[in-house]
Amino acid sequence: MVQILKRILCVGVFVCLGMMRSFGASLSLPSAPYSYTVLDQDLSAALQEFGNNLNIRVNVSVEVRGRIRGRMPDLPPREFLDRLTALYNLQWYYDGLVLYISAAHEAQSRLIVLNPISFDAFKSALDALNISDERYIVKPAPGEGLILASGPPRFVALVDQTLKGLVAEAQARRNPVAAEKPQRESVLMLFRGSSSTVFRDGRPEGSLETPHQESISREPGPGQK
């Protein structure tokens, strides 16, 4: 009986956690109604003013077009934002610093190769970084080690950047010596008459006076013989 109770409690905890995780980074907005009176205003300008009034950095895509005509109802800021996105076919995503608002037709779908990262590890990283958002898709795709990411441009970009970071970390763990080994330097010396020019990694460094005739000489970089 005790074991059964423990299992029920554990299930309850996981259900509560799942209900709490609705969006990525928390967009903290006041609960008081947002009063916004407008007769005729550009939609992009209204969204920028929304951010200014609530002290939130807003990035509005150039593809967001339209005009607000007539008085908007007094709604809590979150409902006001959702109402505009529904009326004008928009999407929004908050990355913890900036509220990105884009047109729905800008949404991207991308197939991403996971190897050598597992899907569970990748999804856990997205959750831990508050990138996951239940409105947008990150799920395994048919094929070997593929996932499908779909959503507004900023969301898909963060998903892609997270995977690249995890892959780089995994490769560094497998081969730490190669990751720390500095790249060899390429040195080229070009002689013209009594002067010479040194090119280091393809960039000229300066000229020297030498008695040599015109010729080209390559010098070994550090660590080369």
C-alpha atoms as a PDB file:
ATOM      1  CA  MET A   1       0.000   0.000   0.000  1.00  0.00           C
ATOM      2  CA  VAL A   2       2.844   2.383   0.858  1.00  0.00           C
ATOM      3  CA  GLN A   3       4.502   1.675  -2.498  1.00  0.00           C
ATOM      4  CA  ILE A   4       1.249   2.398  -4.335  1.00  0.00           C
ATOM      5  CA  LEU A   5       0.885   5.734  -2.532  1.00  0.00           C
ATOM      6  CA  LYS A   6       4.464   6.647  -3.432  1.00  0.00           C
ATOM      7  CA  ARG A   7       3.804   5.918  -7.097  1.00  0.00           C
ATOM      8  CA  ILE A   8       0.639   8.027  -7.074  1.00  0.00           C
ATOM      9  CA  LEU A   9       2.521  10.938  -5.495  1.00  0.00           C
ATOM     10  CA  CYS A  10       5.314  10.675  -8.076  1.00  0.00           C
ATOM     11  CA  VAL A  11       2.819  10.662 -10.941  1.00  0.00           C
ATOM     12  CA  GLY A  12       1.104  13.700  -9.449  1.00  0.00           C
ATOM     13  CA  VAL A  13       4.378  15.594  -9.257  1.00  0.00           C
ATOM     14  CA  PHE A  14       5.247  14.863 -12.900  1.00  0.00           C
ATOM     15  CA  VAL A  15       1.748  15.866 -14.046  1.00  0.00           C
ATOM     16  CA  CYS A  16       2.037  19.183 -12.200  1.00  0.00           C
ATOM     17  CA  LEU A  17       5.456  19.861 -13.693  1.00  0.00           C
ATOM     18  CA  GLY A  18       4.139  19.100 -17.162  1.00  0.00           C
ATOM     19  CA  MET A  19       1.243  21.529 -16.678  1.00  0.00           C
ATOM     20  CA  MET A  20       3.592  24.278 -15.488  1.00  0.00           C
ATOM     21  CA  ARG A  21       5.846  23.979 -18.547  1.00  0.00           C
ATOM     22  CA  SER A  22       3.764  25.761 -21.173  1.00  0.00           C
ATOM     23  CA  PHE A  23       6.182  28.149 -22.825  1.00  0.00           C
ATOM     24  CA  GLY A  24       9.913  28.800 -23.014  1.00  0.00           C
ATOM     25  CA  ALA A  25      11.332  31.794 -21.197  1.00  0.00           C
ATOM     26  CA  SER A  26       8.734  33.301 -18.895  1.00  0.00           C
ATOM     27  CA  LEU A  27       7.167  36.462 -20.278  1.00  0.00           C
ATOM     28  CA  SER A  28       6.213  38.256 -17.053  1.00  0.00           C
ATOM     29  CA  LEU A  29       3.326  40.620 -17.729  1.00  0.00           C
ATOM     30  CA  PRO A  30       1.080  42.430 -15.240  1.00  0.00           C
ATOM     31  CA  SER A  31      -2.419  41.110 -14.657  1.00  0.00           C
ATOM     32  CA  ALA A  32      -4.093  44.535 -14.673  1.00  0.00           C
ATOM     33  CA  PRO A  33      -6.011  45.337 -17.885  1.00  0.00           C
ATOM     34  CA  TYR A  34      -3.998  47.017 -20.624  1.00  0.00           C
ATOM     35  CA  SER A  35      -5.928  50.038 -21.834  1.00  0.00           C
ATOM     36  CA  TYR A  36      -5.069  51.000 -25.392  1.00  0.00           C
ATOM     37  CA  THR A  37      -7.198  53.470 -27.287  1.00  0.00           C
ATOM     38  CA  VAL A  38      -6.508  53.908 -30.981  1.00  0.00           C
ATOM     39  CA  LEU A  39      -8.574  55.034 -33.930  1.00  0.00           C
ATOM     40  CA  ASP A  40      -6.195  54.210 -36.764  1.00  0.00           C
ATOM     41  CA  GLN A  41      -2.592  53.111 -36.199  1.00  0.00           C
ATOM     42  CA  ASP A  42       0.022  50.981 -37.920  1.00  0.00           C
ATOM     43  CA  LEU A  43       0.100  47.492 -36.382  1.00  0.00           C
ATOM     44  CA  SER A  44       3.890  47.419 -36.072  1.00  0.00           C
ATOM     45  CA  ALA A  45       3.885  50.783 -34.264  1.00  0.00           C
ATOM     46  CA  ALA A  46       1.180  49.557 -31.865  1.00  0.00           C
ATOM     47  CA  LEU A  47       3.257  46.473 -30.999  1.00  0.00           C
ATOM     48  CA  GLN A  48       6.344  48.602 -30.402  1.00  0.00           C
ATOM     49  CA  GLU A  49       4.324  50.891 -28.150  1.00  0.00           C
ATOM     50  CA  PHE A  50       3.011  47.835 -26.311  1.00  0.00           C
ATOM     51  CA  GLY A  51       6.609  46.883 -25.492  1.00  0.00           C
ATOM     52  CA  ASN A  52       7.543  50.443 -24.510  1.00  0.00           C
ATOM     53  CA  ASN A  53       4.586  50.758 -22.154  1.00  0.00           C
ATOM     54  CA  LEU A  54       5.465  47.469 -20.437  1.00  0.00           C
ATOM     55  CA  ASN A  55       9.250  47.987 -20.525  1.00  0.00           C
ATOM     56  CA  ILE A  56       9.835  44.973 -22.804  1.00  0.00           C
ATOM     57  CA  ARG A  57      12.231  44.907 -25.757  1.00  0.00           C
ATOM     58  CA  VAL A  58      10.211  44.083 -28.871  1.00  0.00           C
ATOM     59  CA  ASN A  59      11.491  43.027 -32.290  1.00  0.00           C
ATOM     60  CA  VAL A  60       8.763  43.315 -34.910  1.00  0.00           C
ATOM     61  CA  SER A  61       9.424  41.706 -38.283  1.00  0.00           C
ATOM     62  CA  VAL A  62       9.164  43.860 -41.399  1.00  0.00           C
ATOM     63  CA  GLU A  63       6.644  41.283 -42.629  1.00  0.00           C
ATOM     64  CA  VAL A  64       4.170  42.335 -39.913  1.00  0.00           C
ATOM     65  CA  ARG A  65       1.719  44.566 -41.745  1.00  0.00           C
ATOM     66  CA  GLY A  66      -1.733  45.982 -41.144  1.00  0.00           C
ATOM     67  CA  ARG A  67      -3.536  48.735 -39.266  1.00  0.00           C
ATOM     68  CA  ILE A  68      -5.536  48.776 -36.062  1.00  0.00           C
ATOM     69  CA  ARG A  69      -8.828  50.592 -36.506  1.00  0.00           C
ATOM     70  CA  GLY A  70     -11.246  51.108 -33.670  1.00  0.00           C
ATOM     71  CA  ARG A  71     -10.889  50.732 -29.916  1.00  0.00           C
ATOM     72  CA  MET A  72      -9.313  47.581 -28.513  1.00  0.00           C
ATOM     73  CA  PRO A  73     -11.021  46.084 -25.436  1.00  0.00           C
ATOM     74  CA  ASP A  74      -9.270  46.467 -22.077  1.00  0.00           C
ATOM     75  CA  LEU A  75      -7.526  43.117 -21.579  1.00  0.00           C
ATOM     76  CA  PRO A  76      -4.608  41.822 -19.489  1.00  0.00           C
ATOM     77  CA  PRO A  77      -1.410  42.406 -21.518  1.00  0.00           C
ATOM     78  CA  ARG A  78      -0.942  38.721 -22.353  1.00  0.00           C
ATOM     79  CA  GLU A  79      -4.502  38.451 -23.672  1.00  0.00           C
ATOM     80  CA  PHE A  80      -4.059  41.720 -25.574  1.00  0.00           C
ATOM     81  CA  LEU A  81      -0.939  40.312 -27.273  1.00  0.00           C
ATOM     82  CA  ASP A  82      -2.664  37.010 -28.065  1.00  0.00           C
ATOM     83  CA  ARG A  83      -5.687  38.859 -29.457  1.00  0.00           C
ATOM     84  CA  LEU A  84      -3.526  40.858 -31.865  1.00  0.00           C
ATOM     85  CA  THR A  85      -1.626  37.748 -32.992  1.00  0.00           C
ATOM     86  CA  ALA A  86      -4.940  35.958 -33.658  1.00  0.00           C
ATOM     87  CA  LEU A  87      -6.542  38.902 -35.464  1.00  0.00           C
ATOM     88  CA  TYR A  88      -3.551  39.621 -37.695  1.00  0.00           C
ATOM     89  CA  ASN A  89      -2.198  36.076 -38.148  1.00  0.00           C
ATOM     90  CA  LEU A  90       1.039  36.620 -36.208  1.00  0.00           C
ATOM     91  CA  GLN A  91       3.353  34.525 -34.042  1.00  0.00           C
ATOM     92  CA  TRP A  92       5.362  35.640 -31.032  1.00  0.00           C
ATOM     93  CA  TYR A  93       8.287  34.121 -29.162  1.00  0.00           C
ATOM     94  CA  TYR A  94      10.118  35.429 -26.087  1.00  0.00           C
ATOM     95  CA  ASP A  95      13.740  34.328 -25.675  1.00  0.00           C
ATOM     96  CA  GLY A  96      14.195  35.809 -22.210  1.00  0.00           C
ATOM     97  CA  LEU A  97      15.485  39.162 -23.466  1.00  0.00           C
ATOM     98  CA  VAL A  98      13.461  40.154 -26.513  1.00  0.00           C
ATOM     99  CA  LEU A  99       9.867  39.558 -27.577  1.00  0.00           C
ATOM    100  CA  TYR A 100      10.010  38.563 -31.251  1.00  0.00           C
ATOM    101  CA  ILE A 101       6.831  39.080 -33.287  1.00  0.00           C
ATOM    102  CA  SER A 102       6.621  37.765 -36.840  1.00  0.00           C
ATOM    103  CA  ALA A 103       4.018  37.024 -39.484  1.00  0.00           C
ATOM    104  CA  ALA A 104       2.696  33.466 -39.488  1.00  0.00           C
ATOM    105  CA  HIS A 105       3.910  32.925 -43.059  1.00  0.00           C
ATOM    106  CA  GLU A 106       7.492  33.433 -41.836  1.00  0.00           C
ATOM    107  CA  ALA A 107       7.329  30.227 -39.799  1.00  0.00           C
ATOM    108  CA  GLN A 108      10.125  27.794 -40.636  1.00  0.00           C
ATOM    109  CA  SER A 109      10.310  24.006 -40.681  1.00  0.00           C
ATOM    110  CA  ARG A 110      13.739  22.430 -40.592  1.00  0.00           C
ATOM    111  CA  LEU A 111      15.051  18.857 -40.533  1.00  0.00           C
ATOM    112  CA  ILE A 112      18.102  18.691 -38.273  1.00  0.00           C
ATOM    113  CA  VAL A 113      20.615  15.850 -37.928  1.00  0.00           C
ATOM    114  CA  LEU A 114      21.038  14.923 -34.259  1.00  0.00           C
ATOM    115  CA  ASN A 115      24.090  12.622 -34.361  1.00  0.00           C
ATOM    116  CA  PRO A 116      25.903  12.168 -32.061  1.00  0.00           C
ATOM    117  CA  ILE A 117      23.337  13.675 -29.644  1.00  0.00           C
ATOM    118  CA  SER A 118      20.305  11.666 -28.539  1.00  0.00           C
ATOM    119  CA  PHE A 119      16.843  13.192 -28.812  1.00  0.00           C
ATOM    120  CA  ASP A 120      16.252  12.907 -25.056  1.00  0.00           C
ATOM    121  CA  ALA A 121      19.506  14.750 -24.272  1.00  0.00           C
ATOM    122  CA  PHE A 122      18.691  17.421 -26.835  1.00  0.00           C
ATOM    123  CA  LYS A 123      15.132  17.916 -25.548  1.00  0.00           C
ATOM    124  CA  SER A 124      16.404  18.110 -21.969  1.00  0.00           C
ATOM    125  CA  ALA A 125      18.849  20.848 -22.993  1.00  0.00           C
ATOM    126  CA  LEU A 126      16.069  22.840 -24.695  1.00  0.00           C
ATOM    127  CA  ASP A 127      13.933  22.528 -21.557  1.00  0.00           C
ATOM    128  CA  ALA A 128      16.788  23.496 -19.232  1.00  0.00           C
ATOM    129  CA  LEU A 129      17.569  26.584 -21.341  1.00  0.00           C
ATOM    130  CA  ASN A 130      13.878  27.593 -21.434  1.00  0.00           C
ATOM    131  CA  ILE A 131      13.829  27.356 -25.222  1.00  0.00           C
ATOM    132  CA  SER A 132      11.080  24.731 -25.494  1.00  0.00           C
ATOM    133  CA  ASP A 133       7.628  26.087 -26.292  1.00  0.00           C
ATOM    134  CA  GLU A 134       4.586  23.827 -26.527  1.00  0.00           C
ATOM    135  CA  ARG A 135       3.123  25.989 -29.298  1.00  0.00           C
ATOM    136  CA  TYR A 136       5.994  25.059 -31.617  1.00  0.00           C
ATOM    137  CA  ILE A 137       7.336  21.696 -32.739  1.00  0.00           C
ATOM    138  CA  VAL A 138      10.492  19.797 -31.873  1.00  0.00           C
ATOM    139  CA  LYS A 139       9.965  16.095 -32.482  1.00  0.00           C
ATOM    140  CA  PRO A 140      11.737  13.035 -33.934  1.00  0.00           C
ATOM    141  CA  ALA A 141      11.347  12.727 -37.695  1.00  0.00           C
ATOM    142  CA  PRO A 142      11.361   9.564 -39.824  1.00  0.00           C
ATOM    143  CA  GLY A 143      14.943   8.628 -40.549  1.00  0.00           C
ATOM    144  CA  GLU A 144      18.130   7.954 -38.644  1.00  0.00           C
ATOM    145  CA  GLY A 145      18.861  10.602 -36.017  1.00  0.00           C
ATOM    146  CA  LEU A 146      16.633  13.345 -37.446  1.00  0.00           C
ATOM    147  CA  ILE A 147      14.334  15.826 -35.751  1.00  0.00           C
ATOM    148  CA  LEU A 148      11.784  18.273 -37.123  1.00  0.00           C
ATOM    149  CA  ALA A 149      11.813  21.801 -35.693  1.00  0.00           C
ATOM    150  CA  SER A 150       9.007  24.124 -36.697  1.00  0.00           C
ATOM    151  CA  GLY A 151       8.030  27.585 -35.485  1.00  0.00           C
ATOM    152  CA  PRO A 152       8.885  31.282 -35.802  1.00  0.00           C
ATOM    153  CA  PRO A 153      12.398  32.150 -37.029  1.00  0.00           C
ATOM    154  CA  ARG A 154      13.848  33.031 -33.615  1.00  0.00           C
ATOM    155  CA  PHE A 155      12.654  29.754 -32.081  1.00  0.00           C
ATOM    156  CA  VAL A 156      14.075  27.613 -34.889  1.00  0.00           C
ATOM    157  CA  ALA A 157      17.375  29.541 -34.768  1.00  0.00           C
ATOM    158  CA  LEU A 158      17.763  28.862 -31.022  1.00  0.00           C
ATOM    159  CA  VAL A 159      16.992  25.169 -31.541  1.00  0.00           C
ATOM    160  CA  ASP A 160      19.682  24.988 -34.237  1.00  0.00           C
ATOM    161  CA  GLN A 161      22.242  26.908 -32.137  1.00  0.00           C
ATOM    162  CA  THR A 162      21.634  24.661 -29.130  1.00  0.00           C
ATOM    163  CA  LEU A 163      22.279  21.533 -31.169  1.00  0.00           C
ATOM    164  CA  LYS A 164      25.496  22.966 -32.628  1.00  0.00           C
ATOM    165  CA  GLY A 165      26.710  23.770 -29.127  1.00  0.00           C
ATOM    166  CA  LEU A 166      25.957  20.256 -27.873  1.00  0.00           C
ATOM    167  CA  VAL A 167      27.690  18.670 -30.871  1.00  0.00           C
ATOM    168  CA  ALA A 168      30.797  20.845 -30.382  1.00  0.00           C
ATOM    169  CA  GLU A 169      30.887  19.916 -26.706  1.00  0.00           C
ATOM    170  CA  ALA A 170      30.562  16.194 -27.488  1.00  0.00           C
ATOM    171  CA  GLN A 171      33.364  16.371 -30.058  1.00  0.00           C
ATOM    172  CA  ALA A 172      35.614  18.237 -27.620  1.00  0.00           C
ATOM    173  CA  ARG A 173      35.036  15.556 -24.982  1.00  0.00           C
ATOM    174  CA  ARG A 174      35.908  12.785 -27.443  1.00  0.00           C
ATOM    175  CA  ASN A 175      39.060  14.491 -28.722  1.00  0.00           C
ATOM    176  CA  PRO A 176      40.232  17.144 -26.227  1.00  0.00           C
ATOM    177  CA  VAL A 177      43.777  17.290 -27.659  1.00  0.00           C
ATOM    178  CA  ALA A 178      42.553  18.256 -31.154  1.00  0.00           C
ATOM    179  CA  ALA A 179      40.206  20.842 -29.684  1.00  0.00           C
ATOM    180  CA  GLU A 180      43.034  22.565 -27.777  1.00  0.00           C
ATOM    181  CA  LYS A 181      45.753  22.225 -30.458  1.00  0.00           C
ATOM    182  CA  PRO A 182      46.441  25.613 -32.110  1.00  0.00           C
ATOM    183  CA  GLN A 183      46.301  25.844 -35.878  1.00  0.00           C
ATOM    184  CA  ARG A 184      49.630  26.041 -37.704  1.00  0.00           C
ATOM    185  CA  GLU A 185      50.599  29.389 -39.049  1.00  0.00           C
ATOM    186  CA  SER A 186      51.327  29.873 -42.760  1.00  0.00           C
ATOM    187  CA  VAL A 187      54.274  32.186 -43.520  1.00  0.00           C
ATOM    188  CA  LEU A 188      55.234  33.297 -47.041  1.00  0.00           C
ATOM    189  CA  MET A 189      58.159  35.634 -47.887  1.00  0.00           C
ATOM    190  CA  LEU A 190      58.141  37.376 -51.289  1.00  0.00           C
ATOM    191  CA  PHE A 191      61.475  38.872 -52.486  1.00  0.00           C
ATOM    192  CA  ARG A 192      61.539  41.686 -55.071  1.00  0.00           C
ATOM    193  CA  GLY A 193      64.998  43.056 -55.791  1.00  0.00           C
ATOM    194  CA  SER A 194      66.420  44.467 -52.578  1.00  0.00           C
ATOM    195  CA  SER A 195      63.114  44.361 -50.663  1.00  0.00           C
ATOM    196  CA  SER A 196      61.031  41.520 -49.257  1.00  0.00           C
ATOM    197  CA  THR A 197      57.448  41.284 -47.986  1.00  0.00           C
ATOM    198  CA  VAL A 198      56.269  38.816 -45.357  1.00  0.00           C
ATOM    199  CA  PHE A 199      52.769  37.315 -45.699  1.00  0.00           C
ATOM    200  CA  ARG A 200      51.471  35.615 -42.529  1.00  0.00           C
ATOM    201  CA  ASP A 201      48.305  33.542 -42.989  1.00  0.00           C
ATOM    202  CA  GLY A 202      47.766  35.318 -46.314  1.00  0.00           C
ATOM    203  CA  ARG A 203      48.082  38.834 -44.909  1.00  0.00           C
ATOM    204  CA  PRO A 204      51.083  41.133 -45.628  1.00  0.00           C
ATOM    205  CA  GLU A 205      52.968  42.176 -42.499  1.00  0.00           C
ATOM    206  CA  GLY A 206      55.552  44.596 -43.893  1.00  0.00           C
ATOM    207  CA  SER A 207      58.604  45.026 -46.111  1.00  0.00           C
ATOM    208  CA  LEU A 208      62.290  44.464 -45.369  1.00  0.00           C
ATOM    209  CA  GLU A 209      65.425  45.531 -47.225  1.00  0.00           C
ATOM    210  CA  THR A 210      67.371  42.469 -48.423  1.00  0.00           C
ATOM    211  CA  PRO A 211      70.149  41.843 -50.959  1.00  0.00           C
ATOM    212  CA  HIS A 212      68.236  38.997 -52.633  1.00  0.00           C
ATOM    213  CA  GLN A 213      66.913  38.969 -56.170  1.00  0.00           C
ATOM    214  CA  GLU A 214      63.185  38.478 -56.821  1.00  0.00           C
ATOM    215  CA  SER A 215      62.105  35.077 -55.523  1.00  0.00           C
ATOM    216  CA  ILE A 216      59.565  33.454 -53.248  1.00  0.00           C
ATOM    217  CA  SER A 217      60.431  31.611 -50.070  1.00  0.00           C
ATOM    218  CA  ARG A 218      58.194  29.820 -47.607  1.00  0.00           C
ATOM    219  CA  GLU A 219      59.197  29.700 -43.979  1.00  0.00           C
ATOM    220  CA  PRO A 220      57.907  27.055 -41.602  1.00  0.00           C
ATOM    221  CA  GLY A 221      55.445  28.305 -39.029  1.00  0.00           C
ATOM    222  CA  PRO A 222      55.830  27.569 -35.327  1.00  0.00           C
ATOM    223  CA  GLY A 223      56.034  23.834 -34.692  1.00  0.00           C
ATOM    224  CA  GLN A 224      56.921  23.083 -38.357  1.00  0.00           C
ATOM    225  CA  LYS A 225      60.256  21.778 -39.573  1.00  0.00           C
END
